[in-house]
Amino acid sequence: MKNIRKVFLIILGLFIVFVLVALTYIKTMLPNVGDAPNMKVETSAAQIERGKYLANHVTVCIDCHSNRDWTLYSGPIISGTEGKGGEIFDQKYGFPGKFIAPNITPFSLKNWTDGEIFRAVTTGVSKDGRALFSLMPAHNYGKLDENDIKAIIAYLRSLTPIEHKTETSKPDFPFNFIINTIPKPAQFSKIPDKLNKVEYGKYLVTAAGCYDCHTKQEKGKFIGEPFAGGMEFKLSEHLLVRSPNITPDKETGIGFWDQTTFISKFKAYNDSTIKQMKVAPDGLQTPMPWTMYAGMTDEDLADIYAYLQQVKSVKNQVVRFEN
């Protein structure tokens, strides 16, 4: 009996040592995506304009890094807060910690090199080597064309500096260890030929993060069929919103929509009446930044539609809202 106990204690001790070594490695050696590249981004008018279009209407960086007016439907950006940061994603919304979107205007980024911004956007590693929460979808941005990322950086450099300091994000245990394993080296691609509508649409879908929000997740892992909806957003204590099915299923998805209907759904949010649609406290709301995506060109929206129409059709009836 004593021998069995002794063996058990030895095994337990070895296991504890192994866990401590593993945690020490994760905490001190990760993330490891390499040094920030040495680069200087071109800041021509055309480059800034491309970055402005992407950051406001496709990748929607300005969405999370500004203040949104949640008294209005879809929470449009409050003018004058572009890039200010401060939006909080914490435990009451189901996140494993308290994550704050940082200030990305030149006030905050003035001491960052272009390469450090580039690494943060495409791998999820901050200037100080800290892993960034994957709500900032570096896993998507690292698949884009490097020139588009540089255009976004050029645009961020052009923003009006806003003097506003935000808290440092604080992941809860054990996510404070897990977060270090998330950043990965970027795997860039080239912008597809726009004549290939499906491939260009796929590129835009990646940039816009459509998969991430329209695929069911649990504890940060995708468990649902791609684009079949079901991702949950706890917008308040009294409102749970789920993303819709955007596969081409004709009963539960968007298979019954034609291209014109798809584009019109977005463009409707250019209408000032819809933009200013008031929402009562705990009233029907959506995290979808319609007013930002509405600024996409008809051609880009048509290409997104073309891509979504050829993804796997999935029958999945989503209960959109739950009080």
Protein backbone atom coordinates (compact mmCIF):
# COMPACT_ATOMS: atom_id res chain seq x y z
CA MET A 1 0.00 0.00 0.00
CA LYS A 2 2.86 2.37 0.89
CA ASN A 3 4.53 1.61 -2.46
CA ILE A 4 1.33 2.39 -4.35
CA ARG A 5 0.98 5.67 -2.47
CA LYS A 6 4.63 6.51 -3.13
CA VAL A 7 4.22 5.84 -6.87
CA PHE A 8 1.05 7.93 -6.92
CA LEU A 9 2.81 10.85 -5.22
CA ILE A 10 5.75 10.61 -7.65
CA ILE A 11 3.39 10.64 -10.64
CA LEU A 12 1.43 13.53 -9.14
CA GLY A 13 4.64 15.44 -8.50
CA LEU A 14 5.88 14.88 -12.05
CA PHE A 15 2.51 15.99 -13.40
CA ILE A 16 2.62 19.19 -11.34
CA VAL A 17 6.17 19.90 -12.53
CA PHE A 18 5.10 19.29 -16.13
CA VAL A 19 2.14 21.67 -15.77
CA LEU A 20 4.30 24.36 -14.16
CA VAL A 21 6.93 24.07 -16.91
CA ALA A 22 4.24 24.20 -19.59
CA LEU A 23 2.56 27.25 -18.04
CA THR A 24 5.91 29.00 -17.62
CA TYR A 25 6.73 28.35 -21.27
CA ILE A 26 3.33 29.63 -22.44
CA LYS A 27 3.57 32.73 -20.26
CA THR A 28 7.19 33.67 -20.99
CA MET A 29 7.96 32.30 -24.46
CA LEU A 30 4.65 32.84 -26.26
CA PRO A 31 3.37 34.41 -28.39
CA ASN A 32 6.19 33.89 -30.84
CA VAL A 33 5.44 35.29 -34.28
CA GLY A 34 8.76 36.96 -34.94
CA ASP A 35 9.89 40.55 -34.72
CA ALA A 36 7.89 43.41 -36.19
CA PRO A 37 9.00 43.99 -39.80
CA ASN A 38 11.09 47.01 -40.69
CA MET A 39 8.86 48.97 -43.05
CA LYS A 40 7.75 52.47 -43.94
CA VAL A 41 4.20 52.73 -45.27
CA GLU A 42 3.43 54.98 -48.23
CA THR A 43 0.96 57.73 -47.29
CA SER A 44 -0.24 58.90 -50.68
CA ALA A 45 -3.80 60.18 -51.07
CA ALA A 46 -4.79 57.03 -52.97
CA GLN A 47 -3.29 54.78 -50.27
CA ILE A 48 -5.10 56.64 -47.49
CA GLU A 49 -8.38 56.55 -49.42
CA ARG A 50 -8.13 52.78 -49.89
CA GLY A 51 -7.38 52.36 -46.19
CA LYS A 52 -10.29 54.61 -45.25
CA TYR A 53 -12.68 52.52 -47.34
CA LEU A 54 -11.44 49.25 -45.85
CA ALA A 55 -11.29 50.41 -42.21
CA ASN A 56 -14.74 52.01 -42.30
CA HIS A 57 -16.71 49.73 -44.58
CA VAL A 58 -15.04 46.31 -45.00
CA THR A 59 -12.69 45.35 -42.14
CA VAL A 60 -14.60 47.91 -40.03
CA CYS A 61 -11.68 48.56 -37.66
CA ILE A 62 -13.32 51.88 -36.82
CA ASP A 63 -16.36 50.00 -35.52
CA CYS A 64 -14.75 48.58 -32.37
CA HIS A 65 -12.23 51.38 -31.93
CA SER A 66 -14.77 54.20 -31.71
CA ASN A 67 -17.80 55.00 -29.60
CA ARG A 68 -21.15 53.70 -30.85
CA ASP A 69 -24.53 55.21 -30.07
CA TRP A 70 -26.50 52.25 -28.72
CA THR A 71 -29.62 54.35 -28.32
CA LEU A 72 -29.94 53.96 -32.11
CA TYR A 73 -30.42 50.73 -34.04
CA SER A 74 -27.15 49.03 -35.04
CA GLY A 75 -25.15 51.42 -32.85
CA PRO A 76 -23.80 53.85 -35.47
CA ILE A 77 -20.45 55.53 -34.81
CA ILE A 78 -20.60 58.76 -32.83
CA SER A 79 -19.01 61.39 -35.05
CA GLY A 80 -15.71 62.69 -33.68
CA THR A 81 -14.79 59.47 -31.86
CA GLU A 82 -13.26 57.65 -34.83
CA GLY A 83 -10.35 55.59 -33.53
CA LYS A 84 -10.72 56.83 -29.96
CA GLY A 85 -11.15 53.34 -28.51
CA GLY A 86 -12.72 52.47 -25.21
CA GLU A 87 -15.44 50.00 -26.17
CA ILE A 88 -15.56 47.30 -23.49
CA PHE A 89 -16.07 43.59 -24.06
CA ASP A 90 -16.23 41.93 -20.66
CA GLN A 91 -17.68 39.08 -18.62
CA LYS A 92 -21.24 40.37 -18.69
CA TYR A 93 -21.20 39.86 -22.46
CA GLY A 94 -19.73 36.38 -22.10
CA PHE A 95 -16.06 37.21 -22.69
CA PRO A 96 -13.25 35.51 -20.69
CA GLY A 97 -11.98 38.72 -19.17
CA LYS A 98 -12.23 42.46 -19.64
CA PHE A 99 -11.07 43.55 -23.07
CA ILE A 100 -10.93 47.20 -24.09
CA ALA A 101 -10.52 48.37 -27.67
CA PRO A 102 -7.47 50.65 -27.58
CA ASN A 103 -7.06 54.11 -29.04
CA ILE A 104 -5.74 53.75 -32.62
CA THR A 105 -5.43 57.43 -33.50
CA PRO A 106 -1.95 59.00 -33.85
CA PHE A 107 -2.21 60.10 -30.20
CA SER A 108 -1.76 56.48 -29.16
CA LEU A 109 0.18 55.16 -32.15
CA LYS A 110 2.74 57.97 -32.40
CA ASN A 111 5.40 55.81 -30.73
CA TRP A 112 4.58 52.72 -32.80
CA THR A 113 6.50 51.94 -35.96
CA ASP A 114 4.57 51.00 -39.08
CA GLY A 115 5.97 47.50 -38.69
CA GLU A 116 4.66 47.21 -35.12
CA ILE A 117 1.17 48.21 -36.23
CA PHE A 118 1.45 45.79 -39.16
CA ARG A 119 2.41 42.90 -36.84
CA ALA A 120 -0.41 43.72 -34.40
CA VAL A 121 -3.04 43.79 -37.14
CA THR A 122 -1.88 40.64 -38.93
CA THR A 123 -0.73 38.38 -36.08
CA GLY A 124 -2.40 39.70 -32.92
CA VAL A 125 0.77 40.70 -31.05
CA SER A 126 1.08 44.18 -29.57
CA LYS A 127 4.09 46.50 -29.59
CA ASP A 128 5.12 45.17 -26.18
CA GLY A 129 4.84 41.52 -27.24
CA ARG A 130 1.49 41.01 -25.52
CA ALA A 131 -1.09 38.75 -27.18
CA LEU A 132 -4.22 40.58 -28.31
CA PHE A 133 -7.67 39.08 -27.85
CA SER A 134 -8.91 37.49 -31.08
CA LEU A 135 -12.00 39.70 -31.13
CA MET A 136 -9.56 41.77 -33.19
CA PRO A 137 -9.48 39.22 -36.05
CA ALA A 138 -5.78 39.14 -36.86
CA HIS A 139 -6.41 35.56 -38.04
CA ASN A 140 -8.41 37.10 -40.91
CA TYR A 141 -6.31 40.18 -41.58
CA GLY A 142 -3.20 37.99 -41.81
CA LYS A 143 -4.75 36.31 -44.86
CA LEU A 144 -5.21 39.52 -46.82
CA ASP A 145 -2.95 41.29 -49.28
CA GLU A 146 -0.10 43.07 -47.48
CA ASN A 147 -0.84 46.21 -49.48
CA ASP A 148 -4.34 46.43 -48.04
CA ILE A 149 -2.95 46.24 -44.51
CA LYS A 150 -0.47 48.98 -45.36
CA ALA A 151 -3.32 51.10 -46.74
CA ILE A 152 -5.18 50.72 -43.43
CA ILE A 153 -2.05 51.78 -41.54
CA ALA A 154 -1.71 54.84 -43.80
CA TYR A 155 -5.32 55.74 -43.01
CA LEU A 156 -4.84 55.30 -39.25
CA ARG A 157 -1.86 57.66 -39.43
CA SER A 158 -4.15 60.25 -41.03
CA LEU A 159 -6.81 60.19 -38.29
CA THR A 160 -7.27 63.21 -36.04
CA PRO A 161 -5.35 62.50 -32.82
CA ILE A 162 -7.74 62.04 -29.90
CA GLU A 163 -6.24 62.34 -26.43
CA HIS A 164 -7.84 59.39 -24.71
CA LYS A 165 -6.09 56.67 -22.71
CA THR A 166 -7.73 53.28 -22.35
CA GLU A 167 -7.24 50.53 -19.79
CA THR A 168 -5.07 47.55 -20.65
CA SER A 169 -7.17 44.46 -21.36
CA LYS A 170 -7.14 41.80 -18.61
CA PRO A 171 -8.00 38.19 -19.51
CA ASP A 172 -9.32 35.96 -16.73
CA PHE A 173 -7.62 32.76 -15.58
CA PRO A 174 -7.02 30.37 -17.37
CA PHE A 175 -7.54 32.44 -20.51
CA ASN A 176 -4.61 34.65 -19.50
CA PHE A 177 -2.46 31.63 -20.45
CA ILE A 178 -4.55 30.40 -23.40
CA ILE A 179 -4.47 33.82 -25.09
CA ASN A 180 -0.71 33.50 -25.61
CA THR A 181 -1.22 30.41 -27.79
CA ILE A 182 -3.58 32.17 -30.22
CA PRO A 183 -1.32 34.50 -32.30
CA LYS A 184 0.08 32.84 -35.43
CA PRO A 185 2.35 34.10 -38.22
CA ALA A 186 0.45 35.73 -41.07
CA GLN A 187 -0.17 33.89 -44.34
CA PHE A 188 -0.75 36.68 -46.81
CA SER A 189 -2.48 36.38 -50.17
CA LYS A 190 -2.80 38.57 -53.23
CA ILE A 191 -5.99 40.46 -54.04
CA PRO A 192 -7.87 38.23 -56.53
CA ASP A 193 -8.75 39.45 -59.99
CA LYS A 194 -12.02 41.38 -59.68
CA LEU A 195 -13.28 39.63 -62.80
CA ASN A 196 -13.44 36.49 -60.67
CA LYS A 197 -16.43 37.58 -58.59
CA VAL A 198 -16.51 34.51 -56.36
CA GLU A 199 -12.82 34.66 -55.42
CA TYR A 200 -12.92 38.40 -54.88
CA GLY A 201 -16.08 37.95 -52.83
CA LYS A 202 -14.29 35.35 -50.69
CA TYR A 203 -11.48 37.84 -50.11
CA LEU A 204 -13.98 40.48 -48.95
CA VAL A 205 -15.81 37.98 -46.73
CA THR A 206 -12.49 37.17 -45.05
CA ALA A 207 -11.71 40.86 -44.58
CA ALA A 208 -15.18 41.58 -43.19
CA GLY A 209 -15.17 38.64 -40.77
CA CYS A 210 -18.52 37.28 -41.99
CA TYR A 211 -17.53 33.71 -41.07
CA ASP A 212 -16.63 34.64 -37.50
CA CYS A 213 -20.00 36.19 -36.65
CA HIS A 214 -22.20 33.91 -38.74
CA THR A 215 -20.78 30.60 -37.49
CA LYS A 216 -21.78 29.29 -34.07
CA GLN A 217 -19.06 29.37 -31.42
CA GLU A 218 -18.71 28.08 -27.90
CA LYS A 219 -15.85 29.20 -25.67
CA GLY A 220 -14.01 30.66 -28.64
CA LYS A 221 -14.23 27.52 -30.80
CA PHE A 222 -16.28 27.20 -33.95
CA ILE A 223 -18.74 24.35 -33.52
CA GLY A 224 -21.38 25.18 -36.12
CA GLU A 225 -21.61 24.79 -39.87
CA PRO A 226 -19.85 27.63 -41.70
CA PHE A 227 -22.09 30.67 -42.23
CA ALA A 228 -25.16 28.83 -40.86
CA GLY A 229 -25.64 31.36 -38.04
CA GLY A 230 -26.24 30.83 -34.36
CA MET A 231 -23.38 32.87 -32.91
CA GLU A 232 -24.71 34.39 -29.68
CA PHE A 233 -24.35 38.02 -28.64
CA LYS A 234 -25.49 38.92 -25.15
CA LEU A 235 -26.27 42.59 -25.66
CA SER A 236 -27.80 43.09 -22.21
CA GLU A 237 -29.20 41.17 -19.27
CA HIS A 238 -32.51 40.97 -21.11
CA LEU A 239 -31.51 40.50 -24.74
CA LEU A 240 -29.67 37.67 -26.46
CA VAL A 241 -29.15 38.03 -30.21
CA ARG A 242 -28.07 35.24 -32.57
CA SER A 243 -26.55 35.75 -36.00
CA PRO A 244 -28.70 34.61 -38.95
CA ASN A 245 -28.02 31.80 -41.39
CA ILE A 246 -26.44 33.32 -44.53
CA THR A 247 -25.93 30.08 -46.47
CA PRO A 248 -27.96 29.64 -49.70
CA ASP A 249 -30.58 27.44 -48.02
CA LYS A 250 -33.94 28.60 -49.38
CA GLU A 251 -35.91 27.94 -46.19
CA THR A 252 -33.65 29.10 -43.38
CA GLY A 253 -30.86 31.01 -45.15
CA ILE A 254 -30.66 33.62 -47.93
CA GLY A 255 -31.14 31.29 -50.88
CA PHE A 256 -34.38 33.05 -51.75
CA TRP A 257 -32.65 36.44 -51.99
CA ASP A 258 -31.47 37.72 -55.34
CA GLN A 259 -28.47 40.00 -55.73
CA THR A 260 -30.58 43.16 -55.74
CA THR A 261 -32.29 42.19 -52.49
CA PHE A 262 -28.94 41.43 -50.85
CA ILE A 263 -27.42 44.78 -51.84
CA SER A 264 -30.57 46.68 -50.91
CA LYS A 265 -30.52 45.19 -47.41
CA PHE A 266 -27.19 46.92 -46.80
CA LYS A 267 -27.88 50.11 -48.70
CA ALA A 268 -31.07 50.71 -46.74
CA TYR A 269 -28.84 51.80 -43.86
CA ASN A 270 -27.67 54.79 -45.84
CA ASP A 271 -31.18 56.16 -45.33
CA SER A 272 -31.12 58.83 -42.61
CA THR A 273 -34.44 57.59 -41.17
CA ILE A 274 -33.05 54.10 -40.54
CA LYS A 275 -29.75 55.52 -39.31
CA GLN A 276 -31.61 57.45 -36.61
CA MET A 277 -34.02 54.68 -35.58
CA LYS A 278 -34.34 54.93 -31.78
CA VAL A 279 -34.11 51.84 -29.58
CA ALA A 280 -35.65 51.65 -26.13
CA PRO A 281 -33.49 50.36 -23.24
CA ASP A 282 -33.33 46.55 -23.62
CA GLY A 283 -35.24 46.96 -26.89
CA LEU A 284 -34.56 45.08 -30.11
CA GLN A 285 -30.94 45.72 -31.10
CA THR A 286 -28.17 44.22 -33.23
CA PRO A 287 -24.35 44.23 -33.01
CA MET A 288 -24.18 44.14 -36.84
CA PRO A 289 -22.62 47.47 -37.92
CA TRP A 290 -25.06 47.96 -40.79
CA THR A 291 -24.36 51.67 -41.12
CA MET A 292 -20.69 50.93 -41.74
CA TYR A 293 -21.12 48.02 -44.17
CA ALA A 294 -23.66 50.17 -46.02
CA GLY A 295 -20.72 52.19 -47.31
CA MET A 296 -19.43 49.26 -49.36
CA THR A 297 -19.72 49.66 -53.10
CA ASP A 298 -22.50 47.84 -54.93
CA GLU A 299 -19.81 45.91 -56.82
CA ASP A 300 -18.18 44.64 -53.61
CA LEU A 301 -21.53 43.67 -52.09
CA ALA A 302 -22.43 41.85 -55.32
CA ASP A 303 -19.17 39.87 -55.10
CA ILE A 304 -19.87 38.94 -51.47
CA TYR A 305 -23.31 37.76 -52.55
CA ALA A 306 -21.74 35.70 -55.36
CA TYR A 307 -19.42 33.97 -52.90
CA LEU A 308 -22.10 33.28 -50.30
CA GLN A 309 -24.37 31.76 -52.94
CA GLN A 310 -21.85 28.97 -53.58
CA VAL A 311 -20.98 28.05 -49.98
CA LYS A 312 -22.48 24.85 -48.57
CA SER A 313 -26.25 25.21 -48.10
CA VAL A 314 -27.22 24.39 -44.51
CA LYS A 315 -30.74 24.06 -43.16
CA ASN A 316 -30.55 25.75 -39.77
CA GLN A 317 -33.45 27.74 -38.41
CA VAL A 318 -32.02 30.31 -36.01
CA VAL A 319 -34.05 31.86 -33.22
CA ARG A 320 -32.73 35.39 -33.72
CA PHE A 321 -33.81 37.11 -30.52
CA GLU A 322 -34.38 35.88 -26.98
CA ASN A 323 -35.45 37.98 -24.01
